[in-house]
Amino acid sequence: MKIILKGEELALMALFTVAYFYLYPGQWMFFLALFFVPDVSFAGYLISTKVGAMGYNLLHHKGIMVLVVLLGFYVQHDLLIKIGLLFLAHSAFDRVFGYGLKYSDHFEHTHLGWIGKLKHTEVP
C-alpha cells in the first residue's frame, strides 16, 4: 500500500508542477525559490507542538491550497495561483517521503503514521 500511495503522490506532484509550468512557462526561479517555503512553518515548533502542527498543517493542507488556486482563478490573481500550485507540489513531495499532516502531540506523529526515530516504536 505504501508504494501505491507514494506513486500517487509522485503523480500529483508531477501534475501540479506541469500545471504550474503550463500556466507560467519559464518561471523556474520563482518555483525553485519558493518550493521549500512551506517548511518555514517548522519554526512554530519553537513555540509549542500545537502551534507548530497548526502552522505546518495550514501550509501543507491540499484542500486549503486547492481553495487558494481556485480563489486565484476567480479573482484573476496569478500570484495566488502560483503559490497554490507550488504548495500543492511541495505537499505531494513531502508525502512521498512520509511527511503527512501533523498531530499536535509530537512532531513525528503524522496522519501517515510515525516518522523518524519513533517510526518503529510508534510510541512517543
PDB file of N, CA and C in Angstrom:
ATOM      1  N   MET A   1       0.820  -1.192   0.000  1.00  0.00           N
ATOM      2  CA  MET A   1       0.000   0.000   0.000  1.00  0.00           C
ATOM      3  C   MET A   1       0.868   1.261   0.000  1.00  0.00           C
ATOM      4  N   LYS A   2       1.985   1.233   0.737  1.00  0.00           N
ATOM      5  CA  LYS A   2       2.840   2.419   0.796  1.00  0.00           C
ATOM      6  C   LYS A   2       3.378   2.787  -0.581  1.00  0.00           C
ATOM      7  N   ILE A   3       3.709   1.784  -1.381  1.00  0.00           N
ATOM      8  CA  ILE A   3       4.226   2.046  -2.729  1.00  0.00           C
ATOM      9  C   ILE A   3       3.155   2.701  -3.592  1.00  0.00           C
ATOM     10  N   ILE A   4       1.924   2.241  -3.463  1.00  0.00           N
ATOM     11  CA  ILE A   4       0.821   2.828  -4.223  1.00  0.00           C
ATOM     12  C   ILE A   4       0.608   4.283  -3.809  1.00  0.00           C
ATOM     13  N   LEU A   5       0.602   4.539  -2.504  1.00  0.00           N
ATOM     14  CA  LEU A   5       0.400   5.907  -2.019  1.00  0.00           C
ATOM     15  C   LEU A   5       1.538   6.831  -2.442  1.00  0.00           C
ATOM     16  N   LYS A   6       2.767   6.330  -2.393  1.00  0.00           N
ATOM     17  CA  LYS A   6       3.902   7.149  -2.830  1.00  0.00           C
ATOM     18  C   LYS A   6       3.834   7.422  -4.328  1.00  0.00           C
ATOM     19  N   GLY A   7       3.416   6.424  -5.086  1.00  0.00           N
ATOM     20  CA  GLY A   7       3.242   6.616  -6.534  1.00  0.00           C
ATOM     21  C   GLY A   7       2.165   7.639  -6.839  1.00  0.00           C
ATOM     22  N   GLU A   8       1.097   7.586  -6.075  1.00  0.00           N
ATOM     23  CA  GLU A   8       0.018   8.560  -6.239  1.00  0.00           C
ATOM     24  C   GLU A   8       0.516   9.977  -5.944  1.00  0.00           C
ATOM     25  N   GLU A   9       1.281  10.129  -4.872  1.00  0.00           N
ATOM     26  CA  GLU A   9       1.810  11.447  -4.522  1.00  0.00           C
ATOM     27  C   GLU A   9       2.820  11.942  -5.557  1.00  0.00           C
ATOM     28  N   LEU A  10       3.628  11.037  -6.112  1.00  0.00           N
ATOM     29  CA  LEU A  10       4.543  11.431  -7.188  1.00  0.00           C
ATOM     30  C   LEU A  10       3.769  11.934  -8.398  1.00  0.00           C
ATOM     31  N   ALA A  11       2.681  11.231  -8.725  1.00  0.00           N
ATOM     32  CA  ALA A  11       1.849  11.650  -9.855  1.00  0.00           C
ATOM     33  C   ALA A  11       1.217  13.011  -9.585  1.00  0.00           C
ATOM     34  N   LEU A  12       0.749  13.239  -8.362  1.00  0.00           N
ATOM     35  CA  LEU A  12       0.171  14.538  -8.022  1.00  0.00           C
ATOM     36  C   LEU A  12       1.224  15.639  -8.066  1.00  0.00           C
ATOM     37  N   MET A  13       2.412  15.345  -7.585  1.00  0.00           N
ATOM     38  CA  MET A  13       3.493  16.326  -7.647  1.00  0.00           C
ATOM     39  C   MET A  13       3.774  16.695  -9.106  1.00  0.00           C
ATOM     40  N   ALA A  14       3.828  15.677  -9.968  1.00  0.00           N
ATOM     41  CA  ALA A  14       4.053  15.927 -11.393  1.00  0.00           C
ATOM     42  C   ALA A  14       2.904  16.747 -11.990  1.00  0.00           C
ATOM     43  N   LEU A  15       1.675  16.416 -11.643  1.00  0.00           N
ATOM     44  CA  LEU A  15       0.513  17.144 -12.157  1.00  0.00           C
ATOM     45  C   LEU A  15       0.560  18.618 -11.768  1.00  0.00           C
ATOM     46  N   PHE A  16       0.805  18.898 -10.485  1.00  0.00           N
ATOM     47  CA  PHE A  16       0.833  20.286 -10.024  1.00  0.00           C
ATOM     48  C   PHE A  16       2.011  21.048 -10.626  1.00  0.00           C
ATOM     49  N   THR A  17       3.138  20.374 -10.798  1.00  0.00           N
ATOM     50  CA  THR A  17       4.313  21.009 -11.390  1.00  0.00           C
ATOM     51  C   THR A  17       4.078  21.304 -12.866  1.00  0.00           C
ATOM     52  N   VAL A  18       3.513  20.346 -13.586  1.00  0.00           N
ATOM     53  CA  VAL A  18       3.215  20.548 -15.006  1.00  0.00           C
ATOM     54  C   VAL A  18       2.173  21.655 -15.171  1.00  0.00           C
ATOM     55  N   ALA A  19       1.154  21.674 -14.328  1.00  0.00           N
ATOM     56  CA  ALA A  19       0.134  22.730 -14.396  1.00  0.00           C
ATOM     57  C   ALA A  19       0.769  24.091 -14.166  1.00  0.00           C
ATOM     58  N   TYR A  20       1.673  24.171 -13.192  1.00  0.00           N
ATOM     59  CA  TYR A  20       2.364  25.428 -12.905  1.00  0.00           C
ATOM     60  C   TYR A  20       3.115  25.917 -14.144  1.00  0.00           C
ATOM     61  N   PHE A  21       3.918  25.038 -14.738  1.00  0.00           N
ATOM     62  CA  PHE A  21       4.743  25.469 -15.865  1.00  0.00           C
ATOM     63  C   PHE A  21       3.953  25.608 -17.159  1.00  0.00           C
ATOM     64  N   TYR A  22       2.805  24.963 -17.244  1.00  0.00           N
ATOM     65  CA  TYR A  22       1.919  25.182 -18.388  1.00  0.00           C
ATOM     66  C   TYR A  22       1.355  26.600 -18.328  1.00  0.00           C
ATOM     67  N   LEU A  23       0.943  27.005 -17.139  1.00  0.00           N
ATOM     68  CA  LEU A  23       0.375  28.344 -16.954  1.00  0.00           C
ATOM     69  C   LEU A  23       1.439  29.432 -16.921  1.00  0.00           C
ATOM     70  N   TYR A  24       2.621  29.083 -16.408  1.00  0.00           N
ATOM     71  CA  TYR A  24       3.683  30.079 -16.214  1.00  0.00           C
ATOM     72  C   TYR A  24       5.015  29.556 -16.762  1.00  0.00           C
ATOM     73  N   PRO A  25       5.104  29.418 -18.078  1.00  0.00           N
ATOM     74  CA  PRO A  25       6.355  28.888 -18.652  1.00  0.00           C
ATOM     75  C   PRO A  25       7.530  29.817 -18.356  1.00  0.00           C
ATOM     76  N   GLY A  26       8.656  29.214 -18.085  1.00  0.00           N
ATOM     77  CA  GLY A  26       9.865  29.989 -17.827  1.00  0.00           C
ATOM     78  C   GLY A  26       9.956  30.571 -16.429  1.00  0.00           C
ATOM     79  N   GLN A  27       9.085  30.186 -15.533  1.00  0.00           N
ATOM     80  CA  GLN A  27       9.090  30.726 -14.167  1.00  0.00           C
ATOM     81  C   GLN A  27       9.826  29.790 -13.195  1.00  0.00           C
ATOM     82  N   TRP A  28      10.934  29.220 -13.645  1.00  0.00           N
ATOM     83  CA  TRP A  28      11.691  28.266 -12.827  1.00  0.00           C
ATOM     84  C   TRP A  28      12.247  28.883 -11.555  1.00  0.00           C
ATOM     85  N   MET A  29      12.755  30.086 -11.650  1.00  0.00           N
ATOM     86  CA  MET A  29      13.386  30.701 -10.475  1.00  0.00           C
ATOM     87  C   MET A  29      12.363  30.917  -9.354  1.00  0.00           C
ATOM     88  N   PHE A  30      11.185  31.377  -9.696  1.00  0.00           N
ATOM     89  CA  PHE A  30      10.137  31.575  -8.696  1.00  0.00           C
ATOM     90  C   PHE A  30       9.773  30.236  -8.058  1.00  0.00           C
ATOM     91  N   PHE A  31       9.610  29.209  -8.901  1.00  0.00           N
ATOM     92  CA  PHE A  31       9.259  27.868  -8.421  1.00  0.00           C
ATOM     93  C   PHE A  31      10.327  27.334  -7.470  1.00  0.00           C
ATOM     94  N   LEU A  32      11.573  27.408  -7.889  1.00  0.00           N
ATOM     95  CA  LEU A  32      12.672  26.889  -7.060  1.00  0.00           C
ATOM     96  C   LEU A  32      12.852  27.709  -5.787  1.00  0.00           C
ATOM     97  N   ALA A  33      12.687  29.015  -5.887  1.00  0.00           N
ATOM     98  CA  ALA A  33      12.883  29.877  -4.725  1.00  0.00           C
ATOM     99  C   ALA A  33      11.838  29.630  -3.641  1.00  0.00           C
ATOM    100  N   LEU A  34      10.626  29.276  -4.046  1.00  0.00           N
ATOM    101  CA  LEU A  34       9.544  29.126  -3.062  1.00  0.00           C
ATOM    102  C   LEU A  34       9.165  27.678  -2.749  1.00  0.00           C
ATOM    103  N   PHE A  35       9.805  26.720  -3.400  1.00  0.00           N
ATOM    104  CA  PHE A  35       9.378  25.328  -3.235  1.00  0.00           C
ATOM    105  C   PHE A  35       9.420  24.853  -1.780  1.00  0.00           C
ATOM    106  N   PHE A  36      10.416  25.266  -1.030  1.00  0.00           N
ATOM    107  CA  PHE A  36      10.534  24.805   0.360  1.00  0.00           C
ATOM    108  C   PHE A  36      10.021  25.818   1.385  1.00  0.00           C
ATOM    109  N   VAL A  37       9.410  26.885   0.934  1.00  0.00           N
ATOM    110  CA  VAL A  37       8.867  27.891   1.857  1.00  0.00           C
ATOM    111  C   VAL A  37       7.851  27.304   2.841  1.00  0.00           C
ATOM    112  N   PRO A  38       6.987  26.362   2.437  1.00  0.00           N
ATOM    113  CA  PRO A  38       6.055  25.814   3.429  1.00  0.00           C
ATOM    114  C   PRO A  38       6.751  25.208   4.653  1.00  0.00           C
ATOM    115  N   ASP A  39       7.977  24.780   4.493  1.00  0.00           N
ATOM    116  CA  ASP A  39       8.700  24.181   5.617  1.00  0.00           C
ATOM    117  C   ASP A  39       9.155  25.201   6.650  1.00  0.00           C
ATOM    118  N   VAL A  40       9.032  26.488   6.335  1.00  0.00           N
ATOM    119  CA  VAL A  40       9.318  27.534   7.323  1.00  0.00           C
ATOM    120  C   VAL A  40       8.353  27.387   8.504  1.00  0.00           C
ATOM    121  N   SER A  41       7.225  26.759   8.258  1.00  0.00           N
ATOM    122  CA  SER A  41       6.239  26.547   9.324  1.00  0.00           C
ATOM    123  C   SER A  41       6.797  25.711  10.467  1.00  0.00           C
ATOM    124  N   PHE A  42       7.900  25.011  10.244  1.00  0.00           N
ATOM    125  CA  PHE A  42       8.538  24.246  11.325  1.00  0.00           C
ATOM    126  C   PHE A  42       8.935  25.157  12.483  1.00  0.00           C
ATOM    127  N   ALA A  43       9.144  26.423  12.189  1.00  0.00           N
ATOM    128  CA  ALA A  43       9.544  27.366  13.230  1.00  0.00           C
ATOM    129  C   ALA A  43       8.510  27.440  14.342  1.00  0.00           C
ATOM    130  N   GLY A  44       7.267  27.143  14.040  1.00  0.00           N
ATOM    131  CA  GLY A  44       6.217  27.140  15.056  1.00  0.00           C
ATOM    132  C   GLY A  44       6.486  26.152  16.169  1.00  0.00           C
ATOM    133  N   TYR A  45       7.257  25.118  15.875  1.00  0.00           N
ATOM    134  CA  TYR A  45       7.591  24.124  16.898  1.00  0.00           C
ATOM    135  C   TYR A  45       8.502  24.706  17.977  1.00  0.00           C
ATOM    136  N   LEU A  46       9.126  25.844  17.703  1.00  0.00           N
ATOM    137  CA  LEU A  46       9.920  26.508  18.727  1.00  0.00           C
ATOM    138  C   LEU A  46       9.021  27.086  19.818  1.00  0.00           C
ATOM    139  N   ILE A  47       7.762  27.351  19.467  1.00  0.00           N
ATOM    140  CA  ILE A  47       6.790  27.873  20.431  1.00  0.00           C
ATOM    141  C   ILE A  47       6.130  26.715  21.177  1.00  0.00           C
ATOM    142  N   SER A  48       5.556  25.786  20.419  1.00  0.00           N
ATOM    143  CA  SER A  48       4.939  24.594  21.013  1.00  0.00           C
ATOM    144  C   SER A  48       4.599  23.609  19.900  1.00  0.00           C
ATOM    145  N   THR A  49       4.348  22.361  20.278  1.00  0.00           N
ATOM    146  CA  THR A  49       3.971  21.372  19.263  1.00  0.00           C
ATOM    147  C   THR A  49       2.619  21.716  18.651  1.00  0.00           C
ATOM    148  N   LYS A  50       1.732  22.309  19.418  1.00  0.00           N
ATOM    149  CA  LYS A  50       0.417  22.680  18.897  1.00  0.00           C
ATOM    150  C   LYS A  50       0.533  23.779  17.842  1.00  0.00           C
ATOM    151  N   VAL A  51       1.298  24.817  18.131  1.00  0.00           N
ATOM    152  CA  VAL A  51       1.496  25.913  17.177  1.00  0.00           C
ATOM    153  C   VAL A  51       2.234  25.396  15.937  1.00  0.00           C
ATOM    154  N   GLY A  52       3.236  24.571  16.150  1.00  0.00           N
ATOM    155  CA  GLY A  52       3.983  24.005  15.030  1.00  0.00           C
ATOM    156  C   GLY A  52       3.102  23.162  14.127  1.00  0.00           C
ATOM    157  N   ALA A  53       2.282  22.307  14.722  1.00  0.00           N
ATOM    158  CA  ALA A  53       1.391  21.457  13.934  1.00  0.00           C
ATOM    159  C   ALA A  53       0.375  22.294  13.171  1.00  0.00           C
ATOM    160  N   MET A  54      -0.165  23.319  13.811  1.00  0.00           N
ATOM    161  CA  MET A  54      -1.143  24.176  13.146  1.00  0.00           C
ATOM    162  C   MET A  54      -0.521  24.897  11.950  1.00  0.00           C
ATOM    163  N   GLY A  55       0.664  25.448  12.136  1.00  0.00           N
ATOM    164  CA  GLY A  55       1.348  26.137  11.043  1.00  0.00           C
ATOM    165  C   GLY A  55       1.710  25.201   9.909  1.00  0.00           C
ATOM    166  N   TYR A  56       2.256  24.044  10.259  1.00  0.00           N
ATOM    167  CA  TYR A  56       2.628  23.055   9.252  1.00  0.00           C
ATOM    168  C   TYR A  56       1.401  22.616   8.465  1.00  0.00           C
ATOM    169  N   ASN A  57       0.336  22.277   9.176  1.00  0.00           N
ATOM    170  CA  ASN A  57      -0.870  21.782   8.514  1.00  0.00           C
ATOM    171  C   ASN A  57      -1.520  22.841   7.631  1.00  0.00           C
ATOM    172  N   LEU A  58      -1.473  24.084   8.058  1.00  0.00           N
ATOM    173  CA  LEU A  58      -2.046  25.166   7.263  1.00  0.00           C
ATOM    174  C   LEU A  58      -1.363  25.278   5.907  1.00  0.00           C
ATOM    175  N   LEU A  59      -0.034  25.190   5.894  1.00  0.00           N
ATOM    176  CA  LEU A  59       0.715  25.356   4.647  1.00  0.00           C
ATOM    177  C   LEU A  59       0.881  24.074   3.841  1.00  0.00           C
ATOM    178  N   HIS A  60       0.493  22.934   4.412  1.00  0.00           N
ATOM    179  CA  HIS A  60       0.641  21.654   3.714  1.00  0.00           C
ATOM    180  C   HIS A  60      -0.694  20.967   3.427  1.00  0.00           C
ATOM    181  N   HIS A  61      -1.787  21.605   3.756  1.00  0.00           N
ATOM    182  CA  HIS A  61      -3.111  21.013   3.557  1.00  0.00           C
ATOM    183  C   HIS A  61      -3.540  21.212   2.101  1.00  0.00           C
ATOM    184  N   LYS A  62      -3.739  20.124   1.392  1.00  0.00           N
ATOM    185  CA  LYS A  62      -4.060  20.211  -0.031  1.00  0.00           C
ATOM    186  C   LYS A  62      -5.412  20.881  -0.271  1.00  0.00           C
ATOM    187  N   GLY A  63      -6.373  20.648   0.602  1.00  0.00           N
ATOM    188  CA  GLY A  63      -7.675  21.285   0.431  1.00  0.00           C
ATOM    189  C   GLY A  63      -7.577  22.798   0.492  1.00  0.00           C
ATOM    190  N   ILE A  64      -6.795  23.297   1.439  1.00  0.00           N
ATOM    191  CA  ILE A  64      -6.607  24.744   1.568  1.00  0.00           C
ATOM    192  C   ILE A  64      -5.923  25.296   0.320  1.00  0.00           C
ATOM    193  N   MET A  65      -4.916  24.590  -0.167  1.00  0.00           N
ATOM    194  CA  MET A  65      -4.183  25.078  -1.336  1.00  0.00           C
ATOM    195  C   MET A  65      -5.028  25.015  -2.613  1.00  0.00           C
ATOM    196  N   VAL A  66      -5.905  24.035  -2.708  1.00  0.00           N
ATOM    197  CA  VAL A  66      -6.841  23.999  -3.850  1.00  0.00           C
ATOM    198  C   VAL A  66      -7.734  25.237  -3.795  1.00  0.00           C
ATOM    199  N   LEU A  67      -8.190  25.600  -2.599  1.00  0.00           N
ATOM    200  CA  LEU A  67      -9.001  26.808  -2.456  1.00  0.00           C
ATOM    201  C   LEU A  67      -8.215  28.055  -2.844  1.00  0.00           C
ATOM    202  N   VAL A  68      -6.927  28.089  -2.516  1.00  0.00           N
ATOM    203  CA  VAL A  68      -6.075  29.218  -2.904  1.00  0.00           C
ATOM    204  C   VAL A  68      -5.997  29.311  -4.429  1.00  0.00           C
ATOM    205  N   VAL A  69      -5.805  28.180  -5.090  1.00  0.00           N
ATOM    206  CA  VAL A  69      -5.743  28.160  -6.561  1.00  0.00           C
ATOM    207  C   VAL A  69      -7.074  28.629  -7.146  1.00  0.00           C
ATOM    208  N   LEU A  70      -8.168  28.090  -6.642  1.00  0.00           N
ATOM    209  CA  LEU A  70      -9.489  28.467  -7.151  1.00  0.00           C
ATOM    210  C   LEU A  70      -9.769  29.953  -6.925  1.00  0.00           C
ATOM    211  N   LEU A  71      -9.402  30.452  -5.756  1.00  0.00           N
ATOM    212  CA  LEU A  71      -9.562  31.880  -5.482  1.00  0.00           C
ATOM    213  C   LEU A  71      -8.731  32.709  -6.462  1.00  0.00           C
ATOM    214  N   GLY A  72      -7.514  32.249  -6.732  1.00  0.00           N
ATOM    215  CA  GLY A  72      -6.654  32.935  -7.693  1.00  0.00           C
ATOM    216  C   GLY A  72      -7.282  33.011  -9.075  1.00  0.00           C
ATOM    217  N   PHE A  73      -7.900  31.909  -9.510  1.00  0.00           N
ATOM    218  CA  PHE A  73      -8.589  31.931 -10.802  1.00  0.00           C
ATOM    219  C   PHE A  73      -9.806  32.857 -10.754  1.00  0.00           C
ATOM    220  N   TYR A  74     -10.533  32.804  -9.667  1.00  0.00           N
ATOM    221  CA  TYR A  74     -11.752  33.605  -9.533  1.00  0.00           C
ATOM    222  C   TYR A  74     -11.449  35.108  -9.562  1.00  0.00           C
ATOM    223  N   VAL A  75     -10.439  35.531  -8.817  1.00  0.00           N
ATOM    224  CA  VAL A  75     -10.101  36.960  -8.769  1.00  0.00           C
ATOM    225  C   VAL A  75      -9.029  37.326  -9.803  1.00  0.00           C
ATOM    226  N   GLN A  76      -8.627  36.359 -10.610  1.00  0.00           N
ATOM    227  CA  GLN A  76      -7.620  36.535 -11.659  1.00  0.00           C
ATOM    228  C   GLN A  76      -6.320  37.126 -11.090  1.00  0.00           C
ATOM    229  N   HIS A  77      -5.799  36.418 -10.098  1.00  0.00           N
ATOM    230  CA  HIS A  77      -4.571  36.860  -9.427  1.00  0.00           C
ATOM    231  C   HIS A  77      -3.519  35.760  -9.575  1.00  0.00           C
ATOM    232  N   ASP A  78      -2.561  35.985 -10.463  1.00  0.00           N
ATOM    233  CA  ASP A  78      -1.552  34.972 -10.778  1.00  0.00           C
ATOM    234  C   ASP A  78      -0.740  34.519  -9.573  1.00  0.00           C
ATOM    235  N   LEU A  79      -0.428  35.429  -8.661  1.00  0.00           N
ATOM    236  CA  LEU A  79       0.389  35.058  -7.508  1.00  0.00           C
ATOM    237  C   LEU A  79      -0.316  34.001  -6.650  1.00  0.00           C
ATOM    238  N   LEU A  80      -1.610  34.130  -6.452  1.00  0.00           N
ATOM    239  CA  LEU A  80      -2.352  33.118  -5.682  1.00  0.00           C
ATOM    240  C   LEU A  80      -2.317  31.764  -6.380  1.00  0.00           C
ATOM    241  N   ILE A  81      -2.490  31.775  -7.692  1.00  0.00           N
ATOM    242  CA  ILE A  81      -2.452  30.518  -8.452  1.00  0.00           C
ATOM    243  C   ILE A  81      -1.071  29.880  -8.350  1.00  0.00           C
ATOM    244  N   LYS A  82      -0.037  30.679  -8.544  1.00  0.00           N
ATOM    245  CA  LYS A  82       1.341  30.166  -8.469  1.00  0.00           C
ATOM    246  C   LYS A  82       1.628  29.560  -7.100  1.00  0.00           C
ATOM    247  N   ILE A  83       1.305  30.303  -6.052  1.00  0.00           N
ATOM    248  CA  ILE A  83       1.593  29.815  -4.702  1.00  0.00           C
ATOM    249  C   ILE A  83       0.791  28.563  -4.398  1.00  0.00           C
ATOM    250  N   GLY A  84      -0.483  28.543  -4.778  1.00  0.00           N
ATOM    251  CA  GLY A  84      -1.303  27.360  -4.538  1.00  0.00           C
ATOM    252  C   GLY A  84      -0.747  26.128  -5.232  1.00  0.00           C
ATOM    253  N   LEU A  85      -0.406  26.256  -6.510  1.00  0.00           N
ATOM    254  CA  LEU A  85       0.148  25.110  -7.253  1.00  0.00           C
ATOM    255  C   LEU A  85       1.494  24.679  -6.694  1.00  0.00           C
ATOM    256  N   LEU A  86       2.311  25.659  -6.359  1.00  0.00           N
ATOM    257  CA  LEU A  86       3.634  25.370  -5.804  1.00  0.00           C
ATOM    258  C   LEU A  86       3.526  24.625  -4.472  1.00  0.00           C
ATOM    259  N   PHE A  87       2.654  25.108  -3.598  1.00  0.00           N
ATOM    260  CA  PHE A  87       2.491  24.470  -2.291  1.00  0.00           C
ATOM    261  C   PHE A  87       1.841  23.097  -2.426  1.00  0.00           C
ATOM    262  N   LEU A  88       0.965  22.918  -3.422  1.00  0.00           N
ATOM    263  CA  LEU A  88       0.399  21.588  -3.683  1.00  0.00           C
ATOM    264  C   LEU A  88       1.504  20.625  -4.118  1.00  0.00           C
ATOM    265  N   ALA A  89       2.385  21.080  -4.996  1.00  0.00           N
ATOM    266  CA  ALA A  89       3.507  20.234  -5.436  1.00  0.00           C
ATOM    267  C   ALA A  89       4.411  19.903  -4.249  1.00  0.00           C
ATOM    268  N   HIS A  90       4.670  20.893  -3.411  1.00  0.00           N
ATOM    269  CA  HIS A  90       5.515  20.664  -2.236  1.00  0.00           C
ATOM    270  C   HIS A  90       4.871  19.655  -1.280  1.00  0.00           C
ATOM    271  N   SER A  91       3.579  19.792  -1.044  1.00  0.00           N
ATOM    272  CA  SER A  91       2.887  18.864  -0.134  1.00  0.00           C
ATOM    273  C   SER A  91       2.963  17.436  -0.644  1.00  0.00           C
ATOM    274  N   ALA A  92       2.783  17.257  -1.950  1.00  0.00           N
ATOM    275  CA  ALA A  92       2.895  15.916  -2.529  1.00  0.00           C
ATOM    276  C   ALA A  92       4.330  15.402  -2.382  1.00  0.00           C
ATOM    277  N   PHE A  93       5.307  16.268  -2.589  1.00  0.00           N
ATOM    278  CA  PHE A  93       6.718  15.911  -2.419  1.00  0.00           C
ATOM    279  C   PHE A  93       6.970  15.410  -0.998  1.00  0.00           C
ATOM    280  N   ASP A  94       6.478  16.159  -0.015  1.00  0.00           N
ATOM    281  CA  ASP A  94       6.648  15.750   1.382  1.00  0.00           C
ATOM    282  C   ASP A  94       6.012  14.394   1.650  1.00  0.00           C
ATOM    283  N   ARG A  95       4.853  14.160   1.096  1.00  0.00           N
ATOM    284  CA  ARG A  95       4.133  12.916   1.372  1.00  0.00           C
ATOM    285  C   ARG A  95       4.818  11.712   0.738  1.00  0.00           C
ATOM    286  N   VAL A  96       5.556  11.934  -0.349  1.00  0.00           N
ATOM    287  CA  VAL A  96       6.343  10.847  -0.934  1.00  0.00           C
ATOM    288  C   VAL A  96       7.343  10.334   0.096  1.00  0.00           C
ATOM    289  N   PHE A  97       7.856  11.229   0.929  1.00  0.00           N
ATOM    290  CA  PHE A  97       8.846  10.864   1.943  1.00  0.00           C
ATOM    291  C   PHE A  97       8.227  10.570   3.309  1.00  0.00           C
ATOM    292  N   GLY A  98       6.907  10.472   3.352  1.00  0.00           N
ATOM    293  CA  GLY A  98       6.233  10.065   4.577  1.00  0.00           C
ATOM    294  C   GLY A  98       5.847  11.183   5.517  1.00  0.00           C
ATOM    295  N   TYR A  99       6.050  12.434   5.105  1.00  0.00           N
ATOM    296  CA  TYR A  99       5.692  13.558   5.962  1.00  0.00           C
ATOM    297  C   TYR A  99       4.245  13.958   5.711  1.00  0.00           C
ATOM    298  N   GLY A 100       3.379  13.534   6.607  1.00  0.00           N
ATOM    299  CA  GLY A 100       1.974  13.876   6.483  1.00  0.00           C
ATOM    300  C   GLY A 100       1.620  15.049   7.363  1.00  0.00           C
ATOM    301  N   LEU A 101       0.347  15.336   7.424  1.00  0.00           N
ATOM    302  CA  LEU A 101      -0.133  16.389   8.311  1.00  0.00           C
ATOM    303  C   LEU A 101       0.166  15.992   9.746  1.00  0.00           C
ATOM    304  N   LYS A 102       0.458  16.974  10.573  1.00  0.00           N
ATOM    305  CA  LYS A 102       0.953  16.709  11.927  1.00  0.00           C
ATOM    306  C   LYS A 102      -0.165  16.685  12.970  1.00  0.00           C
ATOM    307  N   TYR A 103      -0.028  15.772  13.921  1.00  0.00           N
ATOM    308  CA  TYR A 103      -0.835  15.809  15.135  1.00  0.00           C
ATOM    309  C   TYR A 103      -0.130  16.736  16.114  1.00  0.00           C
ATOM    310  N   SER A 104      -0.876  17.302  17.030  1.00  0.00           N
ATOM    311  CA  SER A 104      -0.289  18.298  17.932  1.00  0.00           C
ATOM    312  C   SER A 104       0.465  17.694  19.113  1.00  0.00           C
ATOM    313  N   ASP A 105       0.473  16.368  19.248  1.00  0.00           N
ATOM    314  CA  ASP A 105       1.155  15.767  20.392  1.00  0.00           C
ATOM    315  C   ASP A 105       2.659  15.605  20.192  1.00  0.00           C
ATOM    316  N   HIS A 106       3.101  15.459  18.932  1.00  0.00           N
ATOM    317  CA  HIS A 106       4.521  15.209  18.687  1.00  0.00           C
ATOM    318  C   HIS A 106       4.836  15.499  17.226  1.00  0.00           C
ATOM    319  N   PHE A 107       6.002  16.082  16.970  1.00  0.00           N
ATOM    320  CA  PHE A 107       6.415  16.399  15.601  1.00  0.00           C
ATOM    321  C   PHE A 107       6.414  15.171  14.698  1.00  0.00           C
ATOM    322  N   GLU A 108       6.813  14.051  15.227  1.00  0.00           N
ATOM    323  CA  GLU A 108       6.969  12.844  14.415  1.00  0.00           C
ATOM    324  C   GLU A 108       5.665  12.065  14.240  1.00  0.00           C
ATOM    325  N   HIS A 109       4.559  12.547  14.782  1.00  0.00           N
ATOM    326  CA  HIS A 109       3.265  11.881  14.656  1.00  0.00           C
ATOM    327  C   HIS A 109       2.470  12.551  13.533  1.00  0.00           C
ATOM    328  N   THR A 110       2.297  11.832  12.414  1.00  0.00           N
ATOM    329  CA  THR A 110       1.591  12.387  11.261  1.00  0.00           C
ATOM    330  C   THR A 110       0.390  11.518  10.902  1.00  0.00           C
ATOM    331  N   HIS A 111      -0.442  12.040  10.027  1.00  0.00           N
ATOM    332  CA  HIS A 111      -1.609  11.272   9.600  1.00  0.00           C
ATOM    333  C   HIS A 111      -1.212  10.044   8.778  1.00  0.00           C
ATOM    334  N   LEU A 112       0.026   9.979   8.368  1.00  0.00           N
ATOM    335  CA  LEU A 112       0.530   8.813   7.637  1.00  0.00           C
ATOM    336  C   LEU A 112       1.233   7.817   8.559  1.00  0.00           C
ATOM    337  N   GLY A 113       1.284   8.127   9.844  1.00  0.00           N
ATOM    338  CA  GLY A 113       1.970   7.277  10.813  1.00  0.00           C
ATOM    339  C   GLY A 113       3.136   8.028  11.439  1.00  0.00           C
ATOM    340  N   TRP A 114       3.966   7.302  12.139  1.00  0.00           N
ATOM    341  CA  TRP A 114       5.128   7.888  12.812  1.00  0.00           C
ATOM    342  C   TRP A 114       6.293   7.968  11.846  1.00  0.00           C
ATOM    343  N   ILE A 115       7.104   9.022  11.989  1.00  0.00           N
ATOM    344  CA  ILE A 115       8.299   9.199  11.166  1.00  0.00           C
ATOM    345  C   ILE A 115       9.510   9.306  12.075  1.00  0.00           C
ATOM    346  N   GLY A 116      10.689   9.268  11.487  1.00  0.00           N
ATOM    347  CA  GLY A 116      11.914   9.470  12.258  1.00  0.00           C
ATOM    348  C   GLY A 116      12.220   8.341  13.220  1.00  0.00           C
ATOM    349  N   LYS A 117      12.799   8.693  14.376  1.00  0.00           N
ATOM    350  CA  LYS A 117      13.224   7.707  15.369  1.00  0.00           C
ATOM    351  C   LYS A 117      12.047   6.892  15.913  1.00  0.00           C
ATOM    352  N   LEU A 118      10.869   7.511  15.968  1.00  0.00           N
ATOM    353  CA  LEU A 118       9.711   6.835  16.560  1.00  0.00           C
ATOM    354  C   LEU A 118       8.976   5.943  15.565  1.00  0.00           C
ATOM    355  N   LYS A 119       9.447   5.898  14.336  1.00  0.00           N
ATOM    356  CA  LYS A 119       8.765   5.138  13.280  1.00  0.00           C
ATOM    357  C   LYS A 119       8.561   3.673  13.677  1.00  0.00           C
ATOM    358  N   HIS A 120       9.557   3.086  14.285  1.00  0.00           N
ATOM    359  CA  HIS A 120       9.475   1.665  14.592  1.00  0.00           C
ATOM    360  C   HIS A 120       8.809   1.366  15.926  1.00  0.00           C
ATOM    361  N   THR A 121       8.801   2.317  16.817  1.00  0.00           N
ATOM    362  CA  THR A 121       8.184   2.080  18.129  1.00  0.00           C
ATOM    363  C   THR A 121       6.739   2.518  18.177  1.00  0.00           C
ATOM    364  N   GLU A 122       6.416   3.581  17.432  1.00  0.00           N
ATOM    365  CA  GLU A 122       5.076   4.171  17.376  1.00  0.00           C
ATOM    366  C   GLU A 122       4.575   4.558  18.768  1.00  0.00           C
ATOM    367  N   VAL A 123       5.498   4.870  19.639  1.00  0.00           N
ATOM    368  CA  VAL A 123       5.146   5.340  20.986  1.00  0.00           C
ATOM    369  C   VAL A 123       6.046   6.526  21.304  1.00  0.00           C
ATOM    370  N   PRO A 124       5.464   7.695  21.612  1.00  0.00           N
ATOM    371  CA  PRO A 124       6.310   8.859  21.902  1.00  0.00           C
ATOM    372  C   PRO A 124       7.023   8.725  23.233  1.00  0.00           C
TER     373      PRO A 124
END
